[in-house]
Amino acid sequence: MSIAHVDLTPPLRVAENAGKGLRLRRDFSRGGTVIGVARARDLCNRRRLSAETVERMVSYFARHAVDKQAKGFGDSKEPSAGYIAWLLWGGEEGRDWARRKMAEIAGQGERKRA
């Protein structure tokens, strides 16, 4: 299955969220892993991602939705580590974009089989 025509370049808002996450991580010395930082750099630079990476984004957001319940989630003045990590992966917009892209990729597979 070829998905070459599926645009997997992160949109600007996703890149901005990742950049904010990197700044907050630097300023507060917490949040995210080495993988999360690498993801944020890719998103910030708006590098075209692989389908596997987009799938990992969907998985990350599903596993970490619980982080949104922590004190400081969404607070840029005293952010929770989970909020910083969430932003590193593109924030709400990153979650929504990754889900849309996975659906688009899955739809391409369906069309190929038809």
PDB file of N, CA and C in Angstrom:
ATOM      1  N   MET A   1       0.841  -1.176   0.000  1.00  0.00           N
ATOM      2  CA  MET A   1       0.000   0.000   0.000  1.00  0.00           C
ATOM      3  C   MET A   1       0.888   1.242   0.000  1.00  0.00           C
ATOM      4  N   SER A   2       0.685   2.120  -0.925  1.00  0.00           N
ATOM      5  CA  SER A   2       1.445   3.354  -0.990  1.00  0.00           C
ATOM      6  C   SER A   2       0.637   4.488  -0.379  1.00  0.00           C
ATOM      7  N   ILE A   3       1.265   5.184   0.530  1.00  0.00           N
ATOM      8  CA  ILE A   3       0.600   6.341   1.137  1.00  0.00           C
ATOM      9  C   ILE A   3       1.379   7.614   0.819  1.00  0.00           C
ATOM     10  N   ALA A   4       2.172   7.572  -0.222  1.00  0.00           N
ATOM     11  CA  ALA A   4       3.036   8.701  -0.580  1.00  0.00           C
ATOM     12  C   ALA A   4       2.258   9.992  -0.753  1.00  0.00           C
ATOM     13  N   HIS A   5       1.011   9.896  -1.188  1.00  0.00           N
ATOM     14  CA  HIS A   5       0.216  11.099  -1.423  1.00  0.00           C
ATOM     15  C   HIS A   5      -0.475  11.616  -0.155  1.00  0.00           C
ATOM     16  N   VAL A   6      -0.363  10.876   0.972  1.00  0.00           N
ATOM     17  CA  VAL A   6      -0.921  11.335   2.245  1.00  0.00           C
ATOM     18  C   VAL A   6       0.090  12.298   2.862  1.00  0.00           C
ATOM     19  N   ASP A   7      -0.329  13.529   3.099  1.00  0.00           N
ATOM     20  CA  ASP A   7       0.581  14.545   3.642  1.00  0.00           C
ATOM     21  C   ASP A   7       0.767  14.322   5.145  1.00  0.00           C
ATOM     22  N   LEU A   8       1.941  13.875   5.522  1.00  0.00           N
ATOM     23  CA  LEU A   8       2.253  13.615   6.927  1.00  0.00           C
ATOM     24  C   LEU A   8       3.181  14.684   7.502  1.00  0.00           C
ATOM     25  N   THR A   9       3.084  15.885   6.937  1.00  0.00           N
ATOM     26  CA  THR A   9       3.830  17.027   7.458  1.00  0.00           C
ATOM     27  C   THR A   9       2.987  17.678   8.548  1.00  0.00           C
ATOM     28  N   PRO A  10       3.524  17.780   9.759  1.00  0.00           N
ATOM     29  CA  PRO A  10       2.737  18.366  10.847  1.00  0.00           C
ATOM     30  C   PRO A  10       2.307  19.802  10.533  1.00  0.00           C
ATOM     31  N   PRO A  11       1.063  20.138  10.854  1.00  0.00           N
ATOM     32  CA  PRO A  11       0.603  21.508  10.629  1.00  0.00           C
ATOM     33  C   PRO A  11       1.256  22.497  11.597  1.00  0.00           C
ATOM     34  N   LEU A  12       1.153  23.752  11.273  1.00  0.00           N
ATOM     35  CA  LEU A  12       1.807  24.812  12.042  1.00  0.00           C
ATOM     36  C   LEU A  12       1.420  24.795  13.521  1.00  0.00           C
ATOM     37  N   ARG A  13       0.155  24.649  13.834  1.00  0.00           N
ATOM     38  CA  ARG A  13      -0.282  24.685  15.240  1.00  0.00           C
ATOM     39  C   ARG A  13       0.346  23.542  16.038  1.00  0.00           C
ATOM     40  N   VAL A  14       0.493  22.385  15.427  1.00  0.00           N
ATOM     41  CA  VAL A  14       1.141  21.244  16.082  1.00  0.00           C
ATOM     42  C   VAL A  14       2.611  21.584  16.345  1.00  0.00           C
ATOM     43  N   ALA A  15       3.264  22.192  15.362  1.00  0.00           N
ATOM     44  CA  ALA A  15       4.668  22.604  15.516  1.00  0.00           C
ATOM     45  C   ALA A  15       4.806  23.633  16.637  1.00  0.00           C
ATOM     46  N   GLU A  16       3.868  24.565  16.708  1.00  0.00           N
ATOM     47  CA  GLU A  16       3.908  25.590  17.766  1.00  0.00           C
ATOM     48  C   GLU A  16       3.740  24.964  19.145  1.00  0.00           C
ATOM     49  N   ASN A  17       2.830  24.021  19.267  1.00  0.00           N
ATOM     50  CA  ASN A  17       2.637  23.340  20.553  1.00  0.00           C
ATOM     51  C   ASN A  17       3.911  22.616  20.985  1.00  0.00           C
ATOM     52  N   ALA A  18       4.542  21.926  20.054  1.00  0.00           N
ATOM     53  CA  ALA A  18       5.776  21.204  20.369  1.00  0.00           C
ATOM     54  C   ALA A  18       6.871  22.174  20.809  1.00  0.00           C
ATOM     55  N   GLY A  19       6.961  23.318  20.133  1.00  0.00           N
ATOM     56  CA  GLY A  19       7.935  24.338  20.520  1.00  0.00           C
ATOM     57  C   GLY A  19       7.672  24.869  21.917  1.00  0.00           C
ATOM     58  N   LYS A  20       6.400  25.069  22.237  1.00  0.00           N
ATOM     59  CA  LYS A  20       6.034  25.516  23.586  1.00  0.00           C
ATOM     60  C   LYS A  20       6.445  24.461  24.612  1.00  0.00           C
ATOM     61  N   GLY A  21       6.215  23.189  24.273  1.00  0.00           N
ATOM     62  CA  GLY A  21       6.623  22.111  25.175  1.00  0.00           C
ATOM     63  C   GLY A  21       8.125  22.107  25.418  1.00  0.00           C
ATOM     64  N   LEU A  22       8.901  22.312  24.365  1.00  0.00           N
ATOM     65  CA  LEU A  22      10.364  22.367  24.522  1.00  0.00           C
ATOM     66  C   LEU A  22      10.784  23.537  25.404  1.00  0.00           C
ATOM     67  N   ARG A  23      10.141  24.690  25.227  1.00  0.00           N
ATOM     68  CA  ARG A  23      10.465  25.853  26.072  1.00  0.00           C
ATOM     69  C   ARG A  23      10.107  25.594  27.532  1.00  0.00           C
ATOM     70  N   LEU A  24       8.916  25.042  27.767  1.00  0.00           N
ATOM     71  CA  LEU A  24       8.509  24.758  29.145  1.00  0.00           C
ATOM     72  C   LEU A  24       9.417  23.711  29.777  1.00  0.00           C
ATOM     73  N   ARG A  25       9.812  22.719  29.021  1.00  0.00           N
ATOM     74  CA  ARG A  25      10.714  21.683  29.543  1.00  0.00           C
ATOM     75  C   ARG A  25      12.052  22.309  29.946  1.00  0.00           C
ATOM     76  N   ARG A  26      12.550  23.207  29.103  1.00  0.00           N
ATOM     77  CA  ARG A  26      13.807  23.895  29.415  1.00  0.00           C
ATOM     78  C   ARG A  26      13.636  24.769  30.667  1.00  0.00           C
ATOM     79  N   ASP A  27      12.551  25.499  30.730  1.00  0.00           N
ATOM     80  CA  ASP A  27      12.341  26.442  31.826  1.00  0.00           C
ATOM     81  C   ASP A  27      12.053  25.767  33.165  1.00  0.00           C
ATOM     82  N   PHE A  28      11.372  24.618  33.139  1.00  0.00           N
ATOM     83  CA  PHE A  28      10.959  23.964  34.382  1.00  0.00           C
ATOM     84  C   PHE A  28      11.717  22.668  34.669  1.00  0.00           C
ATOM     85  N   SER A  29      12.597  22.266  33.767  1.00  0.00           N
ATOM     86  CA  SER A  29      13.423  21.057  33.954  1.00  0.00           C
ATOM     87  C   SER A  29      12.595  19.824  34.288  1.00  0.00           C
ATOM     88  N   ARG A  30      11.499  19.653  33.572  1.00  0.00           N
ATOM     89  CA  ARG A  30      10.680  18.456  33.760  1.00  0.00           C
ATOM     90  C   ARG A  30       9.805  18.232  32.531  1.00  0.00           C
ATOM     91  N   GLY A  31       9.259  17.025  32.463  1.00  0.00           N
ATOM     92  CA  GLY A  31       8.300  16.699  31.413  1.00  0.00           C
ATOM     93  C   GLY A  31       8.945  16.052  30.203  1.00  0.00           C
ATOM     94  N   GLY A  32       8.374  14.939  29.796  1.00  0.00           N
ATOM     95  CA  GLY A  32       8.812  14.283  28.574  1.00  0.00           C
ATOM     96  C   GLY A  32      10.021  13.387  28.769  1.00  0.00           C
ATOM     97  N   THR A  33      10.251  12.602  27.751  1.00  0.00           N
ATOM     98  CA  THR A  33      11.381  11.669  27.713  1.00  0.00           C
ATOM     99  C   THR A  33      12.267  12.061  26.535  1.00  0.00           C
ATOM    100  N   VAL A  34      13.337  11.354  26.367  1.00  0.00           N
ATOM    101  CA  VAL A  34      14.217  11.575  25.217  1.00  0.00           C
ATOM    102  C   VAL A  34      13.417  11.399  23.918  1.00  0.00           C
ATOM    103  N   ILE A  35      12.543  10.408  23.909  1.00  0.00           N
ATOM    104  CA  ILE A  35      11.702  10.167  22.729  1.00  0.00           C
ATOM    105  C   ILE A  35      10.750  11.338  22.507  1.00  0.00           C
ATOM    106  N   GLY A  36      10.154  11.829  23.576  1.00  0.00           N
ATOM    107  CA  GLY A  36       9.250  12.975  23.464  1.00  0.00           C
ATOM    108  C   GLY A  36       9.958  14.218  22.940  1.00  0.00           C
ATOM    109  N   VAL A  37      11.168  14.436  23.397  1.00  0.00           N
ATOM    110  CA  VAL A  37      11.950  15.582  22.918  1.00  0.00           C
ATOM    111  C   VAL A  37      12.277  15.416  21.433  1.00  0.00           C
ATOM    112  N   ALA A  38      12.654  14.225  21.040  1.00  0.00           N
ATOM    113  CA  ALA A  38      12.942  13.971  19.616  1.00  0.00           C
ATOM    114  C   ALA A  38      11.690  14.210  18.771  1.00  0.00           C
ATOM    115  N   ARG A  39      10.545  13.745  19.289  1.00  0.00           N
ATOM    116  CA  ARG A  39       9.292  13.950  18.561  1.00  0.00           C
ATOM    117  C   ARG A  39       9.009  15.442  18.429  1.00  0.00           C
ATOM    118  N   ALA A  40       9.206  16.176  19.514  1.00  0.00           N
ATOM    119  CA  ALA A  40       8.960  17.622  19.490  1.00  0.00           C
ATOM    120  C   ALA A  40       9.850  18.317  18.463  1.00  0.00           C
ATOM    121  N   ARG A  41      11.089  17.896  18.375  1.00  0.00           N
ATOM    122  CA  ARG A  41      11.996  18.514  17.390  1.00  0.00           C
ATOM    123  C   ARG A  41      11.515  18.239  15.965  1.00  0.00           C
ATOM    124  N   ASP A  42      11.080  17.010  15.716  1.00  0.00           N
ATOM    125  CA  ASP A  42      10.532  16.689  14.387  1.00  0.00           C
ATOM    126  C   ASP A  42       9.297  17.536  14.090  1.00  0.00           C
ATOM    127  N   LEU A  43       8.424  17.648  15.086  1.00  0.00           N
ATOM    128  CA  LEU A  43       7.195  18.421  14.903  1.00  0.00           C
ATOM    129  C   LEU A  43       7.513  19.905  14.700  1.00  0.00           C
ATOM    130  N   CYS A  44       8.401  20.438  15.524  1.00  0.00           N
ATOM    131  CA  CYS A  44       8.791  21.856  15.412  1.00  0.00           C
ATOM    132  C   CYS A  44       9.349  22.186  14.035  1.00  0.00           C
ATOM    133  N   ASN A  45      10.142  21.269  13.528  1.00  0.00           N
ATOM    134  CA  ASN A  45      10.766  21.478  12.225  1.00  0.00           C
ATOM    135  C   ASN A  45       9.853  21.086  11.073  1.00  0.00           C
ATOM    136  N   ARG A  46       8.665  20.630  11.421  1.00  0.00           N
ATOM    137  CA  ARG A  46       7.644  20.232  10.449  1.00  0.00           C
ATOM    138  C   ARG A  46       8.185  19.223   9.445  1.00  0.00           C
ATOM    139  N   ARG A  47       8.932  18.251   9.983  1.00  0.00           N
ATOM    140  CA  ARG A  47       9.448  17.162   9.149  1.00  0.00           C
ATOM    141  C   ARG A  47       8.320  16.203   8.817  1.00  0.00           C
ATOM    142  N   ARG A  48       8.300  15.717   7.607  1.00  0.00           N
ATOM    143  CA  ARG A  48       7.307  14.714   7.218  1.00  0.00           C
ATOM    144  C   ARG A  48       7.564  13.465   8.056  1.00  0.00           C
ATOM    145  N   LEU A  49       6.535  12.996   8.721  1.00  0.00           N
ATOM    146  CA  LEU A  49       6.657  11.838   9.590  1.00  0.00           C
ATOM    147  C   LEU A  49       6.311  10.565   8.831  1.00  0.00           C
ATOM    148  N   SER A  50       6.734   9.449   9.365  1.00  0.00           N
ATOM    149  CA  SER A  50       6.341   8.162   8.795  1.00  0.00           C
ATOM    150  C   SER A  50       4.964   7.793   9.359  1.00  0.00           C
ATOM    151  N   ALA A  51       4.302   6.875   8.689  1.00  0.00           N
ATOM    152  CA  ALA A  51       3.015   6.385   9.188  1.00  0.00           C
ATOM    153  C   ALA A  51       3.197   5.749  10.562  1.00  0.00           C
ATOM    154  N   GLU A  52       4.320   5.073  10.768  1.00  0.00           N
ATOM    155  CA  GLU A  52       4.593   4.434  12.058  1.00  0.00           C
ATOM    156  C   GLU A  52       4.714   5.472  13.166  1.00  0.00           C
ATOM    157  N   THR A  53       5.337   6.599  12.875  1.00  0.00           N
ATOM    158  CA  THR A  53       5.477   7.655  13.873  1.00  0.00           C
ATOM    159  C   THR A  53       4.114   8.254  14.208  1.00  0.00           C
ATOM    160  N   VAL A  54       3.297   8.479  13.202  1.00  0.00           N
ATOM    161  CA  VAL A  54       1.954   9.012  13.441  1.00  0.00           C
ATOM    162  C   VAL A  54       1.156   8.016  14.286  1.00  0.00           C
ATOM    163  N   GLU A  55       1.326   6.738  14.011  1.00  0.00           N
ATOM    164  CA  GLU A  55       0.648   5.711  14.804  1.00  0.00           C
ATOM    165  C   GLU A  55       1.132   5.749  16.255  1.00  0.00           C
ATOM    166  N   ARG A  56       2.421   5.978  16.461  1.00  0.00           N
ATOM    167  CA  ARG A  56       2.953   6.092  17.825  1.00  0.00           C
ATOM    168  C   ARG A  56       2.380   7.323  18.529  1.00  0.00           C
ATOM    169  N   MET A  57       2.145   8.387  17.766  1.00  0.00           N
ATOM    170  CA  MET A  57       1.523   9.573  18.357  1.00  0.00           C
ATOM    171  C   MET A  57       0.116   9.248  18.860  1.00  0.00           C
ATOM    172  N   VAL A  58      -0.657   8.556  18.030  1.00  0.00           N
ATOM    173  CA  VAL A  58      -2.016   8.176  18.432  1.00  0.00           C
ATOM    174  C   VAL A  58      -1.955   7.336  19.709  1.00  0.00           C
ATOM    175  N   SER A  59      -1.039   6.400  19.746  1.00  0.00           N
ATOM    176  CA  SER A  59      -0.873   5.528  20.908  1.00  0.00           C
ATOM    177  C   SER A  59      -0.466   6.331  22.148  1.00  0.00           C
ATOM    178  N   TYR A  60       0.480   7.254  21.982  1.00  0.00           N
ATOM    179  CA  TYR A  60       0.913   8.094  23.106  1.00  0.00           C
ATOM    180  C   TYR A  60      -0.284   8.820  23.714  1.00  0.00           C
ATOM    181  N   PHE A  61      -1.051   9.502  22.875  1.00  0.00           N
ATOM    182  CA  PHE A  61      -2.172  10.295  23.384  1.00  0.00           C
ATOM    183  C   PHE A  61      -3.212   9.415  24.074  1.00  0.00           C
ATOM    184  N   ALA A  62      -3.452   8.229  23.548  1.00  0.00           N
ATOM    185  CA  ALA A  62      -4.412   7.317  24.182  1.00  0.00           C
ATOM    186  C   ALA A  62      -3.926   6.893  25.574  1.00  0.00           C
ATOM    187  N   ARG A  63      -2.650   6.589  25.687  1.00  0.00           N
ATOM    188  CA  ARG A  63      -2.086   6.154  26.976  1.00  0.00           C
ATOM    189  C   ARG A  63      -2.020   7.281  27.993  1.00  0.00           C
ATOM    190  N   HIS A  64      -1.814   8.497  27.526  1.00  0.00           N
ATOM    191  CA  HIS A  64      -1.557   9.604  28.444  1.00  0.00           C
ATOM    192  C   HIS A  64      -2.729  10.555  28.643  1.00  0.00           C
ATOM    193  N   ALA A  65      -3.905  10.187  28.187  1.00  0.00           N
ATOM    194  CA  ALA A  65      -5.083  11.035  28.402  1.00  0.00           C
ATOM    195  C   ALA A  65      -5.310  11.270  29.896  1.00  0.00           C
ATOM    196  N   VAL A  66      -4.944  10.306  30.710  1.00  0.00           N
ATOM    197  CA  VAL A  66      -5.103  10.419  32.157  1.00  0.00           C
ATOM    198  C   VAL A  66      -4.277  11.575  32.731  1.00  0.00           C
ATOM    199  N   ASP A  67      -3.194  11.944  32.064  1.00  0.00           N
ATOM    200  CA  ASP A  67      -2.336  13.042  32.531  1.00  0.00           C
ATOM    201  C   ASP A  67      -3.105  14.362  32.608  1.00  0.00           C
ATOM    202  N   LYS A  68      -4.176  14.473  31.844  1.00  0.00           N
ATOM    203  CA  LYS A  68      -4.948  15.711  31.806  1.00  0.00           C
ATOM    204  C   LYS A  68      -5.667  15.981  33.130  1.00  0.00           C
ATOM    205  N   GLN A  69      -5.731  14.980  33.998  1.00  0.00           N
ATOM    206  CA  GLN A  69      -6.402  15.134  35.293  1.00  0.00           C
ATOM    207  C   GLN A  69      -5.472  15.699  36.367  1.00  0.00           C
ATOM    208  N   ALA A  70      -4.196  15.787  36.074  1.00  0.00           N
ATOM    209  CA  ALA A  70      -3.223  16.236  37.072  1.00  0.00           C
ATOM    210  C   ALA A  70      -3.293  17.744  37.296  1.00  0.00           C
ATOM    211  N   LYS A  71      -2.957  18.135  38.508  1.00  0.00           N
ATOM    212  CA  LYS A  71      -2.847  19.557  38.828  1.00  0.00           C
ATOM    213  C   LYS A  71      -1.763  20.164  37.935  1.00  0.00           C
ATOM    214  N   GLY A  72      -2.032  21.304  37.369  1.00  0.00           N
ATOM    215  CA  GLY A  72      -1.051  21.994  36.536  1.00  0.00           C
ATOM    216  C   GLY A  72      -1.143  21.656  35.060  1.00  0.00           C
ATOM    217  N   PHE A  73      -2.068  20.752  34.699  1.00  0.00           N
ATOM    218  CA  PHE A  73      -2.222  20.456  33.272  1.00  0.00           C
ATOM    219  C   PHE A  73      -2.912  21.650  32.618  1.00  0.00           C
ATOM    220  N   GLY A  74      -2.272  22.201  31.606  1.00  0.00           N
ATOM    221  CA  GLY A  74      -2.818  23.376  30.918  1.00  0.00           C
ATOM    222  C   GLY A  74      -2.345  24.689  31.502  1.00  0.00           C
ATOM    223  N   ASP A  75      -1.552  24.633  32.549  1.00  0.00           N
ATOM    224  CA  ASP A  75      -1.057  25.836  33.222  1.00  0.00           C
ATOM    225  C   ASP A  75       0.378  26.117  32.775  1.00  0.00           C
ATOM    226  N   SER A  76       0.560  27.178  32.016  1.00  0.00           N
ATOM    227  CA  SER A  76       1.900  27.509  31.524  1.00  0.00           C
ATOM    228  C   SER A  76       2.783  28.150  32.589  1.00  0.00           C
ATOM    229  N   LYS A  77       2.180  28.619  33.686  1.00  0.00           N
ATOM    230  CA  LYS A  77       2.974  29.244  34.757  1.00  0.00           C
ATOM    231  C   LYS A  77       3.501  28.207  35.751  1.00  0.00           C
ATOM    232  N   GLU A  78       2.772  27.124  35.963  1.00  0.00           N
ATOM    233  CA  GLU A  78       3.204  26.010  36.817  1.00  0.00           C
ATOM    234  C   GLU A  78       2.752  24.705  36.167  1.00  0.00           C
ATOM    235  N   PRO A  79       3.342  24.374  35.022  1.00  0.00           N
ATOM    236  CA  PRO A  79       2.869  23.209  34.262  1.00  0.00           C
ATOM    237  C   PRO A  79       3.248  21.882  34.902  1.00  0.00           C
ATOM    238  N   SER A  80       2.321  20.941  34.804  1.00  0.00           N
ATOM    239  CA  SER A  80       2.644  19.578  35.240  1.00  0.00           C
ATOM    240  C   SER A  80       3.603  18.963  34.213  1.00  0.00           C
ATOM    241  N   ALA A  81       4.319  17.966  34.667  1.00  0.00           N
ATOM    242  CA  ALA A  81       5.220  17.256  33.746  1.00  0.00           C
ATOM    243  C   ALA A  81       4.415  16.635  32.606  1.00  0.00           C
ATOM    244  N   GLY A  82       3.218  16.154  32.925  1.00  0.00           N
ATOM    245  CA  GLY A  82       2.364  15.555  31.905  1.00  0.00           C
ATOM    246  C   GLY A  82       1.918  16.559  30.849  1.00  0.00           C
ATOM    247  N   TYR A  83       1.655  17.790  31.285  1.00  0.00           N
ATOM    248  CA  TYR A  83       1.259  18.830  30.325  1.00  0.00           C
ATOM    249  C   TYR A  83       2.414  19.145  29.375  1.00  0.00           C
ATOM    250  N   ILE A  84       3.606  19.248  29.927  1.00  0.00           N
ATOM    251  CA  ILE A  84       4.779  19.519  29.090  1.00  0.00           C
ATOM    252  C   ILE A  84       4.969  18.382  28.084  1.00  0.00           C
ATOM    253  N   ALA A  85       4.891  17.150  28.562  1.00  0.00           N
ATOM    254  CA  ALA A  85       5.051  15.992  27.673  1.00  0.00           C
ATOM    255  C   ALA A  85       3.968  15.995  26.593  1.00  0.00           C
ATOM    256  N   TRP A  86       2.732  16.300  26.967  1.00  0.00           N
ATOM    257  CA  TRP A  86       1.606  16.352  26.022  1.00  0.00           C
ATOM    258  C   TRP A  86       1.911  17.343  24.900  1.00  0.00           C
ATOM    259  N   LEU A  87       2.442  18.500  25.284  1.00  0.00           N
ATOM    260  CA  LEU A  87       2.787  19.507  24.284  1.00  0.00           C
ATOM    261  C   LEU A  87       3.922  19.038  23.385  1.00  0.00           C
ATOM    262  N   LEU A  88       4.890  18.329  23.962  1.00  0.00           N
ATOM    263  CA  LEU A  88       6.004  17.830  23.154  1.00  0.00           C
ATOM    264  C   LEU A  88       5.501  16.969  21.997  1.00  0.00           C
ATOM    265  N   TRP A  89       4.392  16.284  22.207  1.00  0.00           N
ATOM    266  CA  TRP A  89       3.809  15.420  21.176  1.00  0.00           C
ATOM    267  C   TRP A  89       2.808  16.177  20.304  1.00  0.00           C
ATOM    268  N   GLY A  90       2.693  17.485  20.490  1.00  0.00           N
ATOM    269  CA  GLY A  90       1.840  18.301  19.623  1.00  0.00           C
ATOM    270  C   GLY A  90       0.556  18.796  20.245  1.00  0.00           C
ATOM    271  N   GLY A  91       0.325  18.453  21.513  1.00  0.00           N
ATOM    272  CA  GLY A  91      -0.868  18.940  22.194  1.00  0.00           C
ATOM    273  C   GLY A  91      -2.162  18.405  21.593  1.00  0.00           C
ATOM    274  N   GLU A  92      -3.266  19.056  21.941  1.00  0.00           N
ATOM    275  CA  GLU A  92      -4.587  18.636  21.444  1.00  0.00           C
ATOM    276  C   GLU A  92      -4.604  18.566  19.917  1.00  0.00           C
ATOM    277  N   GLU A  93      -4.010  19.567  19.296  1.00  0.00           N
ATOM    278  CA  GLU A  93      -3.983  19.603  17.832  1.00  0.00           C
ATOM    279  C   GLU A  93      -3.168  18.449  17.267  1.00  0.00           C
ATOM    280  N   GLY A  94      -2.095  18.084  17.961  1.00  0.00           N
ATOM    281  CA  GLY A  94      -1.293  16.935  17.543  1.00  0.00           C
ATOM    282  C   GLY A  94      -2.086  15.646  17.634  1.00  0.00           C
ATOM    283  N   ARG A  95      -2.831  15.498  18.733  1.00  0.00           N
ATOM    284  CA  ARG A  95      -3.674  14.314  18.908  1.00  0.00           C
ATOM    285  C   ARG A  95      -4.716  14.209  17.787  1.00  0.00           C
ATOM    286  N   ASP A  96      -5.407  15.324  17.549  1.00  0.00           N
ATOM    287  CA  ASP A  96      -6.464  15.321  16.534  1.00  0.00           C
ATOM    288  C   ASP A  96      -5.899  15.094  15.131  1.00  0.00           C
ATOM    289  N   TRP A  97      -4.767  15.727  14.840  1.00  0.00           N
ATOM    290  CA  TRP A  97      -4.128  15.569  13.527  1.00  0.00           C
ATOM    291  C   TRP A  97      -3.688  14.129  13.304  1.00  0.00           C
ATOM    292  N   ALA A  98      -3.046  13.537  14.324  1.00  0.00           N
ATOM    293  CA  ALA A  98      -2.561  12.160  14.196  1.00  0.00           C
ATOM    294  C   ALA A  98      -3.731  11.197  13.977  1.00  0.00           C
ATOM    295  N   ARG A  99      -4.824  11.406  14.686  1.00  0.00           N
ATOM    296  CA  ARG A  99      -6.008  10.555  14.494  1.00  0.00           C
ATOM    297  C   ARG A  99      -6.549  10.685  13.068  1.00  0.00           C
ATOM    298  N   ARG A 100      -6.650  11.914  12.581  1.00  0.00           N
ATOM    299  CA  ARG A 100      -7.149  12.132  11.209  1.00  0.00           C
ATOM    300  C   ARG A 100      -6.246  11.462  10.191  1.00  0.00           C
ATOM    301  N   LYS A 101      -4.939  11.593  10.389  1.00  0.00           N
ATOM    302  CA  LYS A 101      -3.996  11.006   9.439  1.00  0.00           C
ATOM    303  C   LYS A 101      -4.059   9.481   9.457  1.00  0.00           C
ATOM    304  N   MET A 102      -4.205   8.881  10.636  1.00  0.00           N
ATOM    305  CA  MET A 102      -4.316   7.422  10.699  1.00  0.00           C
ATOM    306  C   MET A 102      -5.591   6.958  10.008  1.00  0.00           C
ATOM    307  N   ALA A 103      -6.679   7.704  10.154  1.00  0.00           N
ATOM    308  CA  ALA A 103      -7.929   7.361   9.465  1.00  0.00           C
ATOM    309  C   ALA A 103      -7.746   7.483   7.954  1.00  0.00           C
ATOM    310  N   GLU A 104      -7.021   8.523   7.540  1.00  0.00           N
ATOM    311  CA  GLU A 104      -6.763   8.712   6.109  1.00  0.00           C
ATOM    312  C   GLU A 104      -5.921   7.562   5.555  1.00  0.00           C
ATOM    313  N   ILE A 105      -4.908   7.157   6.292  1.00  0.00           N
ATOM    314  CA  ILE A 105      -4.052   6.045   5.873  1.00  0.00           C
ATOM    315  C   ILE A 105      -4.872   4.759   5.810  1.00  0.00           C
ATOM    316  N   ALA A 106      -5.687   4.526   6.818  1.00  0.00           N
ATOM    317  CA  ALA A 106      -6.530   3.330   6.836  1.00  0.00           C
ATOM    318  C   ALA A 106      -7.490   3.339   5.652  1.00  0.00           C
ATOM    319  N   GLY A 107      -8.024   4.501   5.311  1.00  0.00           N
ATOM    320  CA  GLY A 107      -8.919   4.630   4.166  1.00  0.00           C
ATOM    321  C   GLY A 107      -8.218   4.310   2.866  1.00  0.00           C
ATOM    322  N   GLN A 108      -6.950   4.643   2.764  1.00  0.00           N
ATOM    323  CA  GLN A 108      -6.191   4.323   1.555  1.00  0.00           C
ATOM    324  C   GLN A 108      -6.063   2.817   1.409  1.00  0.00           C
ATOM    325  N   GLY A 109      -5.858   2.136   2.513  1.00  0.00           N
ATOM    326  CA  GLY A 109      -5.761   0.680   2.484  1.00  0.00           C
ATOM    327  C   GLY A 109      -7.071   0.050   2.049  1.00  0.00           C
ATOM    328  N   GLU A 110      -8.175   0.606   2.529  1.00  0.00           N
ATOM    329  CA  GLU A 110      -9.489   0.095   2.141  1.00  0.00           C
ATOM    330  C   GLU A 110      -9.713   0.254   0.643  1.00  0.00           C
ATOM    331  N   ARG A 111      -9.352   1.392   0.095  1.00  0.00           N
ATOM    332  CA  ARG A 111      -9.536   1.646  -1.339  1.00  0.00           C
ATOM    333  C   ARG A 111      -8.684   0.725  -2.186  1.00  0.00           C
ATOM    334  N   LYS A 112      -7.460   0.419  -1.693  1.00  0.00           N
ATOM    335  CA  LYS A 112      -6.560  -0.462  -2.428  1.00  0.00           C
ATOM    336  C   LYS A 112      -7.158  -1.860  -2.567  1.00  0.00           C
ATOM    337  N   ARG A 113      -7.817  -2.331  -1.502  1.00  0.00           N
ATOM    338  CA  ARG A 113      -8.387  -3.681  -1.491  1.00  0.00           C
ATOM    339  C   ARG A 113      -9.652  -3.774  -2.320  1.00  0.00           C
ATOM    340  N   ALA A 114     -10.330  -2.661  -2.488  1.00  0.00           N
ATOM    341  CA  ALA A 114     -11.627  -2.673  -3.207  1.00  0.00           C
ATOM    342  C   ALA A 114     -11.446  -2.902  -4.697  1.00  0.00           C
TER     343      ALA A 114
END
